[in-house]
Amino acid sequence: MISGFTIIRNGLKFDFPFLESIRSALPICDEFVINVGASEDATRQAIEQLRLRLSTAEAAKIKIIETVWPLDDPEQRKGGRILADQTNLALGNCQHDWCFYLQGDEVLHEDDHEMIRAQLGHWVHERRIEAVVFEYVHFYGSYGVVQTSRSSYRREVRVVRNGLGIRSTGDAQSFRHADDRKLNAVLTKARVFHYGWVRPQEIMKQKTGFMDTLYHPSATADAPATGDNYVYKRIVGLKEFKGTHPAVMRERVQNAPVFDFSSAPKVFHLKDSWKLVSGLIENATGIRPFEYRNYNLIKP
């Protein structure tokens, strides 16, 4: 019923929790397709080692496709297009009714597994439902801090129906029909834990420098187009995380150094005033004013 899929390149070099991401999805997936880009580290070998540690049934779910990303093509390095194209290669290899996308820094919580499987089992017969939108938990700088302002999307499509020609778009954040129509999606209470902004500062700098080259053809890894965006700062919307992390993240969280935000630069811009007002409205009503959606939200 469910095909999981992802892309990864230089997962070890840039400290992606990609193995934890894969492990978090395997219990609810019938197969898991991984597009492994030719890397400068042992990412491919790490996935094979993971296979050896899994049960025979779970190891059999993993399907690897090996690719070479066209990093020298300037057209592919505009707006992160290369990420969507590589995601679509993985999506095209999915065989089941539902296709469940997780990026290499996104992890599912085991507490949500039963709900996800049950909902997708029920909704598979509702053909008007083309996608499922998940709630997001964005960590920032530390495993104990979350970013809650409108700077971070609070929801996004992560499951799409197979066989409709649905494609990853933009920089692979979301999905659309082939003619760019938005998908008709339902909302689940299941969460995606996003750890993309929790890395040692130096690795964050390296990762940001590389990612900038996928968005800006003139950028180089040594001269990030986004300047000091990689530096952790005291920004609007940071809150203490009071929940539990997915079990697959336990070792990584326990071994991580604690980032001291008291020494981080404090940043406040004029536009942050709107973020504060928006946050107050959202906390009081559950509605995020003027929220952009990559999908049409419908009732199940």
Protein backbone atom coordinates (compact mmCIF):
# COMPACT_ATOMS: atom_id res chain seq x y z
CA MET A 1 0.00 0.00 0.00
CA ILE A 2 2.80 2.49 0.85
CA SER A 3 6.04 3.22 -0.99
CA GLY A 4 8.51 5.37 0.89
CA PHE A 5 11.06 7.36 -1.11
CA THR A 6 13.93 9.77 -0.54
CA ILE A 7 17.11 11.20 -2.05
CA ILE A 8 20.49 11.54 -0.41
CA ARG A 9 23.99 12.63 -1.41
CA ASN A 10 26.94 13.25 0.94
CA GLY A 11 24.71 12.25 3.84
CA LEU A 12 27.64 11.58 6.17
CA LYS A 13 29.71 14.58 5.10
CA PHE A 14 26.87 16.98 5.86
CA ASP A 15 25.62 15.11 8.94
CA PHE A 16 22.13 14.28 7.66
CA PRO A 17 20.16 11.92 9.95
CA PHE A 18 19.30 9.97 6.80
CA LEU A 19 19.70 6.54 8.35
CA GLU A 20 17.36 7.51 11.18
CA SER A 21 14.94 8.91 8.59
CA ILE A 22 14.88 5.63 6.68
CA ARG A 23 14.47 3.57 9.86
CA SER A 24 11.60 5.78 11.02
CA ALA A 25 9.58 5.06 7.87
CA LEU A 26 10.32 1.38 7.26
CA PRO A 27 7.73 0.05 9.78
CA ILE A 28 4.85 1.64 7.86
CA CYS A 29 6.17 1.22 4.31
CA ASP A 30 5.95 -1.81 2.04
CA GLU A 31 9.00 -0.66 0.11
CA PHE A 32 11.45 2.22 0.47
CA VAL A 33 13.13 3.69 -2.62
CA ILE A 34 16.40 5.57 -2.09
CA ASN A 35 18.00 7.68 -4.81
CA VAL A 36 21.66 7.71 -3.75
CA GLY A 37 23.68 10.34 -5.58
CA ALA A 38 27.36 9.62 -6.21
CA SER A 39 28.94 11.01 -3.04
CA GLU A 40 32.27 12.15 -1.65
CA ASP A 41 31.79 10.01 1.44
CA ALA A 42 30.52 6.56 2.41
CA THR A 43 26.80 7.32 2.18
CA ARG A 44 26.10 4.33 -0.10
CA GLN A 45 28.04 1.99 2.16
CA ALA A 46 26.25 3.29 5.26
CA ILE A 47 22.91 2.31 3.74
CA GLU A 48 24.23 -1.17 2.97
CA GLN A 49 25.46 -1.48 6.55
CA LEU A 50 22.02 -0.44 7.76
CA ARG A 51 20.51 -3.22 5.65
CA LEU A 52 22.68 -5.77 7.44
CA ARG A 53 21.38 -4.62 10.83
CA LEU A 54 17.72 -4.84 9.84
CA SER A 55 15.44 -7.84 9.91
CA THR A 56 15.21 -9.79 6.67
CA ALA A 57 11.72 -8.41 6.02
CA GLU A 58 12.69 -4.78 6.54
CA ALA A 59 15.98 -5.08 4.63
CA ALA A 60 14.05 -6.42 1.64
CA LYS A 61 11.97 -3.24 1.53
CA ILE A 62 14.97 -1.05 0.64
CA LYS A 63 15.47 -0.42 -3.08
CA ILE A 64 18.50 1.64 -4.10
CA ILE A 65 18.90 3.53 -7.36
CA GLU A 66 22.31 5.09 -7.98
CA THR A 67 22.57 8.40 -9.79
CA VAL A 68 25.09 11.05 -10.72
CA TRP A 69 23.69 14.51 -10.09
CA PRO A 70 24.31 16.97 -12.98
CA LEU A 71 26.02 19.54 -10.77
CA ASP A 72 27.80 21.12 -13.74
CA ASP A 73 24.53 22.03 -15.48
CA PRO A 74 23.68 25.69 -14.67
CA GLU A 75 20.02 25.11 -15.58
CA GLN A 76 19.80 22.42 -12.91
CA ARG A 77 21.31 24.84 -10.41
CA LYS A 78 18.48 27.35 -10.48
CA GLY A 79 16.09 27.46 -7.56
CA GLY A 80 17.01 23.98 -6.40
CA ARG A 81 15.53 22.35 -9.52
CA ILE A 82 18.04 19.52 -9.32
CA LEU A 83 16.51 18.42 -5.99
CA ALA A 84 13.03 18.08 -7.51
CA ASP A 85 14.38 16.20 -10.53
CA GLN A 86 16.25 13.73 -8.35
CA THR A 87 13.17 13.34 -6.14
CA ASN A 88 11.10 12.53 -9.22
CA LEU A 89 13.54 9.79 -10.19
CA ALA A 90 12.86 8.13 -6.84
CA LEU A 91 9.11 8.79 -7.09
CA GLY A 92 9.04 7.17 -10.53
CA ASN A 93 10.30 3.92 -9.02
CA CYS A 94 7.51 3.68 -6.43
CA GLN A 95 5.11 0.77 -6.96
CA HIS A 96 2.35 1.18 -4.37
CA ASP A 97 -0.86 3.23 -3.99
CA TRP A 98 0.64 5.87 -1.72
CA CYS A 99 4.09 7.43 -2.11
CA PHE A 100 5.55 8.73 1.16
CA TYR A 101 8.36 11.27 0.79
CA LEU A 102 10.89 12.04 3.49
CA GLN A 103 13.90 14.27 2.98
CA GLY A 104 17.19 13.19 4.50
CA ASP A 105 16.71 15.37 7.58
CA GLU A 106 13.06 14.45 8.21
CA VAL A 107 12.06 11.76 10.70
CA LEU A 108 8.74 10.18 11.72
CA HIS A 109 7.76 9.52 15.33
CA GLU A 110 6.82 5.95 16.18
CA ASP A 111 3.83 7.23 18.15
CA ASP A 112 2.28 8.25 14.82
CA HIS A 113 2.89 5.01 12.91
CA GLU A 114 -0.43 3.35 13.70
CA MET A 115 -2.40 6.49 12.86
CA ILE A 116 -0.58 6.99 9.56
CA ARG A 117 -1.07 3.41 8.42
CA ALA A 118 -4.75 3.40 9.43
CA GLN A 119 -5.53 6.72 7.76
CA LEU A 120 -3.80 5.83 4.51
CA GLY A 121 -5.59 2.48 4.52
CA HIS A 122 -8.93 4.27 4.79
CA TRP A 123 -8.18 7.13 2.40
CA VAL A 124 -6.81 4.91 -0.37
CA HIS A 125 -10.41 4.29 -1.47
CA GLU A 126 -11.25 8.03 -1.46
CA ARG A 127 -10.06 8.88 -4.97
CA ARG A 128 -10.73 12.59 -4.50
CA ILE A 129 -7.89 12.61 -1.95
CA GLU A 130 -4.67 13.11 -3.90
CA ALA A 131 -2.26 13.89 -1.07
CA VAL A 132 -1.79 14.04 2.68
CA VAL A 133 -0.40 17.04 4.55
CA PHE A 134 1.66 16.56 7.72
CA GLU A 135 2.34 18.80 10.69
CA TYR A 136 5.96 19.93 11.06
CA VAL A 137 8.24 20.25 14.07
CA HIS A 138 11.27 22.35 13.07
CA PHE A 139 14.34 22.17 15.31
CA TYR A 140 16.84 24.99 15.29
CA GLY A 141 20.43 24.96 16.55
CA SER A 142 19.65 22.40 19.23
CA TYR A 143 17.53 19.31 19.78
CA GLY A 144 15.88 21.19 22.61
CA VAL A 145 14.75 24.24 20.62
CA VAL A 146 12.03 24.55 17.97
CA GLN A 147 11.32 27.33 15.49
CA THR A 148 7.61 28.19 15.49
CA SER A 149 7.31 31.48 13.58
CA ARG A 150 5.98 31.83 10.05
CA SER A 151 9.59 31.78 8.83
CA SER A 152 9.09 28.01 8.84
CA TYR A 153 6.22 26.23 7.08
CA ARG A 154 4.03 24.51 9.65
CA ARG A 155 2.55 21.94 7.23
CA GLU A 156 3.50 20.33 3.94
CA VAL A 157 2.54 17.51 1.56
CA ARG A 158 4.48 14.33 2.28
CA VAL A 159 2.22 11.60 0.86
CA VAL A 160 0.92 11.61 -2.72
CA ARG A 161 -1.29 9.19 -4.62
CA ASN A 162 0.51 7.12 -7.24
CA GLY A 163 -0.63 6.94 -10.85
CA LEU A 164 -1.83 10.54 -11.23
CA GLY A 165 1.31 12.00 -12.77
CA ILE A 166 2.07 13.96 -9.60
CA ARG A 167 5.55 15.47 -9.57
CA SER A 168 7.93 17.07 -7.11
CA THR A 169 8.24 20.78 -7.86
CA GLY A 170 10.45 23.76 -7.09
CA ASP A 171 13.27 22.64 -4.82
CA ALA A 172 11.42 19.45 -3.82
CA GLN A 173 9.59 21.04 -0.90
CA SER A 174 6.19 20.04 -2.28
CA PHE A 175 4.26 18.39 -5.11
CA ARG A 176 1.91 19.39 -7.94
CA HIS A 177 0.09 17.83 -10.87
CA ALA A 178 2.00 17.74 -14.16
CA ASP A 179 0.09 20.84 -15.30
CA ASP A 180 1.07 22.62 -12.05
CA ARG A 181 -2.37 22.34 -10.43
CA LYS A 182 -2.35 22.10 -6.66
CA LEU A 183 -3.22 18.74 -5.13
CA ASN A 184 -6.42 18.10 -3.19
CA ALA A 185 -5.05 17.11 0.19
CA VAL A 186 -6.27 16.13 3.64
CA LEU A 187 -4.55 17.02 6.89
CA THR A 188 -3.28 14.43 9.35
CA LYS A 189 -2.17 15.10 12.90
CA ALA A 190 0.93 12.97 12.28
CA ARG A 191 4.19 14.87 12.52
CA VAL A 192 7.39 15.21 10.56
CA PHE A 193 10.37 16.07 12.77
CA HIS A 194 12.70 18.30 10.75
CA TYR A 195 16.33 18.35 11.92
CA GLY A 196 17.83 20.30 9.02
CA TRP A 197 18.98 23.14 11.25
CA VAL A 198 20.64 21.01 13.92
CA ARG A 199 24.28 20.43 13.04
CA PRO A 200 27.66 21.49 14.42
CA GLN A 201 28.19 25.08 13.25
CA GLU A 202 31.12 24.27 10.93
CA ILE A 203 29.23 21.45 9.20
CA MET A 204 26.20 23.73 8.90
CA LYS A 205 28.43 26.24 7.11
CA GLN A 206 29.71 23.59 4.70
CA LYS A 207 26.24 22.22 4.02
CA THR A 208 24.77 25.70 3.47
CA GLY A 209 27.61 26.58 1.11
CA PHE A 210 26.94 23.52 -1.01
CA MET A 211 23.16 23.93 -0.98
CA ASP A 212 23.52 27.53 -2.14
CA THR A 213 25.23 26.25 -5.29
CA LEU A 214 22.04 24.31 -6.10
CA TYR A 215 19.99 27.50 -6.07
CA HIS A 216 22.39 30.09 -7.50
CA PRO A 217 24.50 29.16 -10.56
CA SER A 218 27.13 31.78 -9.68
CA ALA A 219 27.50 30.70 -6.05
CA THR A 220 30.44 28.66 -4.80
CA ALA A 221 30.75 26.53 -1.69
CA ASP A 222 33.33 28.97 -0.33
CA ALA A 223 31.14 32.03 -0.91
CA PRO A 224 27.54 31.22 0.12
CA ALA A 225 24.91 33.32 -1.65
CA THR A 226 22.98 33.51 1.63
CA GLY A 227 25.87 35.06 3.58
CA ASP A 228 25.92 34.14 7.26
CA ASN A 229 22.55 32.39 7.16
CA TYR A 230 24.28 29.28 8.51
CA VAL A 231 25.09 31.03 11.80
CA TYR A 232 22.63 30.12 14.57
CA LYS A 233 20.99 33.24 15.94
CA ARG A 234 18.41 34.24 18.52
CA ILE A 235 15.54 34.81 16.15
CA VAL A 236 11.81 35.33 16.56
CA GLY A 237 9.80 32.18 17.23
CA LEU A 238 12.29 30.04 19.15
CA LYS A 239 10.75 27.94 21.92
CA GLU A 240 11.82 25.13 24.21
CA PHE A 241 10.90 21.69 22.90
CA LYS A 242 8.96 19.82 25.57
CA GLY A 243 7.98 16.68 23.69
CA THR A 244 9.83 13.46 22.91
CA HIS A 245 12.05 12.75 19.93
CA PRO A 246 11.54 9.71 17.71
CA ALA A 247 13.20 6.65 19.23
CA VAL A 248 15.52 6.28 16.23
CA MET A 249 17.01 9.69 17.13
CA ARG A 250 17.77 8.78 20.75
CA GLU A 251 21.50 8.09 20.32
CA ARG A 252 22.07 11.14 18.13
CA VAL A 253 20.26 13.43 20.57
CA GLN A 254 22.06 12.03 23.61
CA ASN A 255 25.50 12.44 22.02
CA ALA A 256 24.92 15.93 20.64
CA PRO A 257 26.68 18.89 22.28
CA VAL A 258 24.34 21.47 23.80
CA PHE A 259 24.31 24.73 21.85
CA ASP A 260 24.46 27.80 24.07
CA PHE A 261 21.99 30.30 22.62
CA SER A 262 23.03 32.95 25.15
CA SER A 263 26.18 33.48 23.11
CA ALA A 264 24.34 33.59 19.77
CA PRO A 265 23.73 36.96 18.11
CA LYS A 266 20.25 38.37 18.62
CA VAL A 267 18.49 39.38 15.43
CA PHE A 268 15.33 41.42 14.98
CA HIS A 269 14.15 43.03 11.74
CA LEU A 270 11.12 45.18 11.03
CA LYS A 271 9.36 42.26 9.34
CA ASP A 272 9.72 40.30 12.58
CA SER A 273 7.05 42.54 14.11
CA TRP A 274 4.52 40.90 11.77
CA LYS A 275 5.80 37.47 12.79
CA LEU A 276 5.10 38.33 16.42
CA VAL A 277 1.57 39.55 15.63
CA SER A 278 0.93 36.54 13.41
CA GLY A 279 2.14 34.24 16.18
CA LEU A 280 -0.28 35.77 18.68
CA ILE A 281 -3.18 35.29 16.26
CA GLU A 282 -2.15 31.70 15.53
CA ASN A 283 -1.83 30.84 19.22
CA ALA A 284 -5.28 32.28 19.93
CA THR A 285 -7.15 30.90 16.92
CA GLY A 286 -5.08 28.12 15.37
CA ILE A 287 -5.10 30.12 12.13
CA ARG A 288 -1.90 31.45 10.55
CA PRO A 289 -2.89 34.67 8.73
CA PHE A 290 -2.17 34.75 4.97
CA GLU A 291 -0.49 31.36 5.12
CA TYR A 292 0.75 30.12 1.75
CA ARG A 293 -0.30 26.59 0.88
CA ASN A 294 1.13 24.38 -1.84
CA TYR A 295 -2.13 22.39 -1.81
CA ASN A 296 -5.92 22.64 -1.65
CA LEU A 297 -7.01 21.46 1.79
CA ILE A 298 -10.20 19.36 1.72
CA LYS A 299 -12.12 17.46 4.37
CA PRO A 300 -11.61 13.67 4.48
